[in-house]
Amino acid sequence: MLTVAIYDELKEQKPSVTGIIASAVKRRELPIREVFFINPRIRIENEDSLKDIDVFIFSAAAVDGALADCAKRIRALKSTAYIVFVTAAAKSNIQLLVRPSIGLSGLLFIPPERAAIYQTINEIAAERPAPTDEGEVFTVKSGSEYRKVPMRNIIYFQSLEKKIVLATDKQEIEFYSSLSAISSQVPEYFVRCYKSYIVNTKYIAAVDVSSMEISLDTGFRLPLSRQYKADFKRFIAGRAE
């Protein structure tokens, strides 16, 4: 799943990039986890502000130096970023973008076409390297301590009041965060199954969609929400293929 940042000067027009992507996310038609909106006129100071974003989409009738410089800085700070422009710019303006220092992943034209946007996002998702848990850890700040927990040992995350509970087969660790933030920090085999749970699907023993319940190898059971039922079934089916 992708995290997408959008700058759209033409969002009030129809069709717009913002409208097409918002509709796709609502209908769950694209592999997008979360959408943010950015302002390229504000200088990006460091890599930390980009680390959770996979795709940057700029929609503007014309391309000026500020937009090109923003894309160039994103590329300099994050070499793995996917940068897409949707524009009606003339050839002379487009030349600002077609440079190795920017490394475009897509160049589309206004008015934006739903099929072209869908194809671009799906191709990016297919090309993006799949996360691996080999050697990966999840870093938790618990109290005054920073603790590293191997991803493979984490069974689930639970949102409990204002805290998150990270559960392994040996311990539970409480810390402050949100499930939305955690979703962007863990590999894709961690799936949201309920409003208050993200589960490591490698620990799933069985899924009972009639009782809306998930059984884990550890004997523990988690609820399955109707909101996430379709996505969850698709993920499990894909894993079994």
Protein backbone atom coordinates (compact mmCIF):
# COMPACT_ATOMS: atom_id res chain seq x y z
CA MET A 1 0.00 0.00 0.00
CA LEU A 2 1.20 3.48 -0.87
CA THR A 3 1.23 6.79 0.95
CA VAL A 4 0.63 9.64 -1.50
CA ALA A 5 1.30 13.38 -1.17
CA ILE A 6 -0.58 15.70 -3.56
CA TYR A 7 -0.13 19.30 -4.62
CA ASP A 8 -3.12 20.30 -6.75
CA GLU A 9 -3.55 23.85 -8.03
CA LEU A 10 -6.61 22.69 -9.98
CA LYS A 11 -8.51 20.79 -7.33
CA GLU A 12 -11.60 22.99 -7.78
CA GLN A 13 -11.91 21.93 -11.41
CA LYS A 14 -13.60 18.76 -12.61
CA PRO A 15 -12.09 16.33 -13.18
CA SER A 16 -9.19 16.94 -10.82
CA VAL A 17 -6.37 14.74 -9.56
CA THR A 18 -7.56 15.27 -5.99
CA GLY A 19 -11.12 14.24 -6.87
CA ILE A 20 -10.07 11.15 -8.81
CA ILE A 21 -7.74 9.87 -6.09
CA ALA A 22 -10.14 10.70 -3.24
CA SER A 23 -12.87 8.72 -5.00
CA ALA A 24 -10.51 5.80 -5.65
CA VAL A 25 -9.42 5.68 -2.00
CA LYS A 26 -13.02 5.83 -0.79
CA ARG A 27 -13.95 2.93 -3.09
CA ARG A 28 -10.67 1.11 -2.33
CA GLU A 29 -9.87 0.87 -6.02
CA LEU A 30 -6.20 1.82 -5.72
CA PRO A 31 -3.42 0.50 -3.45
CA ILE A 32 -3.28 3.72 -1.43
CA ARG A 33 -3.13 3.68 2.36
CA GLU A 34 -3.11 7.40 3.06
CA VAL A 35 -3.20 10.76 1.26
CA PHE A 36 -1.51 14.00 2.36
CA PHE A 37 -1.50 17.47 0.81
CA ILE A 38 1.70 19.48 0.45
CA ASN A 39 2.71 23.02 -0.43
CA PRO A 40 5.83 23.13 -2.65
CA ARG A 41 6.24 26.84 -1.90
CA ILE A 42 7.34 25.86 1.62
CA ARG A 43 10.88 24.54 1.61
CA ILE A 44 11.33 20.91 2.64
CA GLU A 45 14.01 21.00 5.29
CA ASN A 46 15.00 17.39 5.86
CA GLU A 47 14.47 13.76 4.89
CA ASP A 48 12.43 12.99 8.01
CA SER A 49 9.49 14.98 6.65
CA LEU A 50 9.42 12.69 3.57
CA LYS A 51 10.18 9.28 5.06
CA ASP A 52 6.57 8.04 5.23
CA ILE A 53 5.58 9.23 1.72
CA ASP A 54 6.03 6.98 -1.32
CA VAL A 55 4.49 9.01 -4.16
CA PHE A 56 4.45 12.77 -4.81
CA ILE A 57 1.89 14.07 -7.33
CA PHE A 58 1.99 17.65 -8.61
CA SER A 59 -1.00 18.97 -10.59
CA ALA A 60 -0.56 22.43 -12.13
CA ALA A 61 -1.50 24.09 -15.39
CA ALA A 62 2.04 25.38 -15.82
CA VAL A 63 5.38 24.38 -14.36
CA ASP A 64 7.53 27.09 -12.82
CA GLY A 65 10.93 27.05 -11.19
CA ALA A 66 9.51 26.63 -7.68
CA LEU A 67 7.67 23.42 -8.60
CA ALA A 68 10.68 22.03 -10.44
CA ASP A 69 12.98 22.92 -7.53
CA CYS A 70 10.62 21.25 -5.05
CA ALA A 71 10.64 18.03 -7.10
CA LYS A 72 14.42 18.21 -7.39
CA ARG A 73 14.79 18.61 -3.62
CA ILE A 74 12.47 15.65 -2.98
CA ARG A 75 14.64 13.53 -5.26
CA ALA A 76 17.82 14.71 -3.53
CA LEU A 77 16.44 13.91 -0.07
CA LYS A 78 14.68 10.66 -0.98
CA SER A 79 16.09 8.70 -3.90
CA THR A 80 13.31 6.09 -3.71
CA ALA A 81 10.47 8.62 -4.14
CA TYR A 82 8.08 8.36 -7.07
CA ILE A 83 7.36 11.78 -8.59
CA VAL A 84 4.44 12.35 -10.96
CA PHE A 85 3.42 15.59 -12.71
CA VAL A 86 0.00 16.29 -14.21
CA THR A 87 0.17 19.45 -16.29
CA ALA A 88 -0.82 21.40 -19.39
CA ALA A 89 2.59 23.03 -19.55
CA ALA A 90 4.19 23.96 -22.85
CA LYS A 91 7.23 22.10 -24.11
CA SER A 92 9.61 24.73 -22.72
CA ASN A 93 8.16 24.28 -19.22
CA ILE A 94 8.14 20.50 -19.39
CA GLN A 95 11.87 20.62 -20.09
CA LEU A 96 12.26 21.87 -16.50
CA LEU A 97 11.00 18.46 -15.34
CA VAL A 98 12.65 16.02 -17.72
CA ARG A 99 15.99 15.97 -15.96
CA PRO A 100 17.97 13.23 -14.18
CA SER A 101 18.01 15.38 -11.03
CA ILE A 102 14.21 14.98 -10.83
CA GLY A 103 13.73 11.52 -12.29
CA LEU A 104 10.01 11.61 -13.09
CA SER A 105 8.00 8.43 -12.60
CA GLY A 106 5.10 9.76 -14.63
CA LEU A 107 4.09 12.72 -16.79
CA LEU A 108 0.34 13.10 -17.44
CA PHE A 109 -1.68 15.88 -18.97
CA ILE A 110 -4.64 18.07 -18.06
CA PRO A 111 -7.51 17.34 -17.99
CA PRO A 112 -6.48 14.34 -15.88
CA GLU A 113 -7.78 10.99 -17.08
CA ARG A 114 -8.93 8.48 -14.47
CA ALA A 115 -7.54 5.53 -16.45
CA ALA A 116 -4.10 7.14 -16.78
CA ILE A 117 -3.91 7.96 -13.06
CA TYR A 118 -5.04 4.46 -12.11
CA GLN A 119 -2.47 2.90 -14.43
CA THR A 120 0.35 5.09 -13.08
CA ILE A 121 -0.45 4.35 -9.43
CA ASN A 122 -0.86 0.62 -10.07
CA GLU A 123 2.44 0.46 -11.96
CA ILE A 124 4.22 2.26 -9.12
CA ALA A 125 2.73 -0.14 -6.57
CA ALA A 126 3.83 -3.13 -8.66
CA GLU A 127 7.35 -1.76 -9.16
CA ARG A 128 7.92 -0.68 -5.56
CA PRO A 129 10.08 -3.22 -3.71
CA ALA A 130 8.07 -5.32 -1.28
CA PRO A 131 9.00 -4.75 2.36
CA THR A 132 10.82 -7.58 4.03
CA ASP A 133 11.00 -8.43 7.68
CA GLU A 134 14.49 -9.85 7.44
CA GLY A 135 16.45 -7.92 10.05
CA GLU A 136 13.72 -5.29 10.36
CA VAL A 137 12.79 -3.91 13.73
CA PHE A 138 10.07 -1.69 15.13
CA THR A 139 11.44 0.99 17.44
CA VAL A 140 9.28 1.89 20.43
CA LYS A 141 9.74 4.76 22.88
CA SER A 142 8.35 3.41 26.12
CA GLY A 143 8.82 5.83 29.00
CA SER A 144 12.39 7.08 28.75
CA GLU A 145 13.60 3.98 26.89
CA TYR A 146 13.87 3.21 23.19
CA ARG A 147 13.30 -0.48 22.52
CA LYS A 148 13.77 -2.38 19.26
CA VAL A 149 11.37 -5.25 18.62
CA PRO A 150 11.92 -7.57 15.62
CA MET A 151 8.97 -7.31 13.20
CA ARG A 152 8.73 -11.09 13.03
CA ASN A 153 8.00 -11.23 16.78
CA ILE A 154 5.12 -8.75 16.74
CA ILE A 155 1.70 -10.44 16.73
CA TYR A 156 -0.55 -7.40 16.74
CA PHE A 157 -0.93 -3.73 17.67
CA GLN A 158 -3.95 -2.65 19.69
CA SER A 159 -5.22 0.88 20.18
CA LEU A 160 -6.25 1.17 23.82
CA GLU A 161 -7.54 4.54 25.02
CA LYS A 162 -4.71 6.98 24.21
CA LYS A 163 -1.97 4.35 23.94
CA ILE A 164 -0.88 1.55 21.62
CA VAL A 165 -0.20 -1.94 22.94
CA LEU A 166 2.42 -3.90 20.98
CA ALA A 167 1.96 -7.62 21.65
CA THR A 168 4.50 -10.40 21.13
CA ASP A 169 4.30 -13.97 22.40
CA LYS A 170 6.35 -12.97 25.45
CA GLN A 171 5.45 -9.40 26.35
CA GLU A 172 3.26 -6.36 25.83
CA ILE A 173 4.74 -2.89 25.41
CA GLU A 174 2.69 0.30 25.76
CA PHE A 175 3.60 3.51 23.96
CA TYR A 176 2.00 6.62 22.50
CA SER A 177 1.16 6.57 18.79
CA SER A 178 -1.75 5.87 16.44
CA LEU A 179 -2.67 2.92 14.25
CA SER A 180 -2.60 5.20 11.20
CA ALA A 181 1.02 6.13 11.91
CA ILE A 182 1.95 2.51 12.60
CA SER A 183 0.41 1.37 9.29
CA SER A 184 3.03 3.40 7.42
CA GLN A 185 5.90 1.97 9.50
CA VAL A 186 5.30 -1.77 9.20
CA PRO A 187 5.54 -4.25 6.27
CA GLU A 188 2.43 -4.92 4.20
CA TYR A 189 1.70 -8.25 5.88
CA PHE A 190 0.50 -6.21 8.87
CA VAL A 191 -3.17 -5.58 8.06
CA ARG A 192 -5.86 -3.51 9.75
CA CYS A 193 -8.62 -5.93 10.75
CA TYR A 194 -10.60 -3.77 13.19
CA LYS A 195 -10.73 -0.13 14.23
CA SER A 196 -8.48 -0.91 17.19
CA TYR A 197 -6.26 -3.70 15.78
CA ILE A 198 -3.49 -4.24 13.25
CA VAL A 199 -2.53 -7.92 12.98
CA ASN A 200 0.58 -9.68 11.69
CA THR A 201 -1.04 -12.01 9.13
CA LYS A 202 1.81 -14.52 9.51
CA TYR A 203 0.32 -15.47 12.89
CA ILE A 204 -3.19 -16.13 11.53
CA ALA A 205 -4.42 -19.70 11.90
CA ALA A 206 -8.00 -19.21 10.64
CA VAL A 207 -10.50 -16.55 9.62
CA ASP A 208 -14.20 -17.04 10.31
CA VAL A 209 -16.08 -14.45 8.25
CA SER A 210 -19.46 -15.64 9.54
CA SER A 211 -18.59 -14.86 13.17
CA MET A 212 -16.23 -12.01 12.08
CA GLU A 213 -13.34 -13.41 14.08
CA ILE A 214 -9.66 -14.17 13.48
CA SER A 215 -7.87 -17.02 15.27
CA LEU A 216 -4.13 -16.71 15.80
CA ASP A 217 -1.48 -19.39 16.20
CA THR A 218 -1.07 -18.29 19.80
CA GLY A 219 -4.70 -19.17 20.60
CA PHE A 220 -5.69 -15.51 20.86
CA ARG A 221 -8.67 -14.23 18.86
CA LEU A 222 -9.18 -10.83 17.26
CA PRO A 223 -12.38 -9.23 15.93
CA LEU A 224 -12.81 -8.62 12.20
CA SER A 225 -14.69 -5.47 11.23
CA ARG A 226 -17.03 -5.32 8.23
CA GLN A 227 -15.21 -2.12 7.27
CA TYR A 228 -12.01 -4.10 6.65
CA LYS A 229 -13.55 -7.46 5.70
CA ALA A 230 -13.21 -7.12 1.90
CA ASP A 231 -9.59 -5.89 2.01
CA PHE A 232 -8.69 -8.53 4.55
CA LYS A 233 -10.19 -11.37 2.48
CA ARG A 234 -8.35 -10.14 -0.64
CA PHE A 235 -5.06 -10.02 1.24
CA ILE A 236 -5.46 -13.53 2.65
CA ALA A 237 -6.52 -14.90 -0.75
CA GLY A 238 -3.51 -13.27 -2.42
CA ARG A 239 -1.18 -14.69 0.20
CA ALA A 240 -2.52 -18.20 -0.41
CA GLU A 241 -1.93 -18.10 -4.17
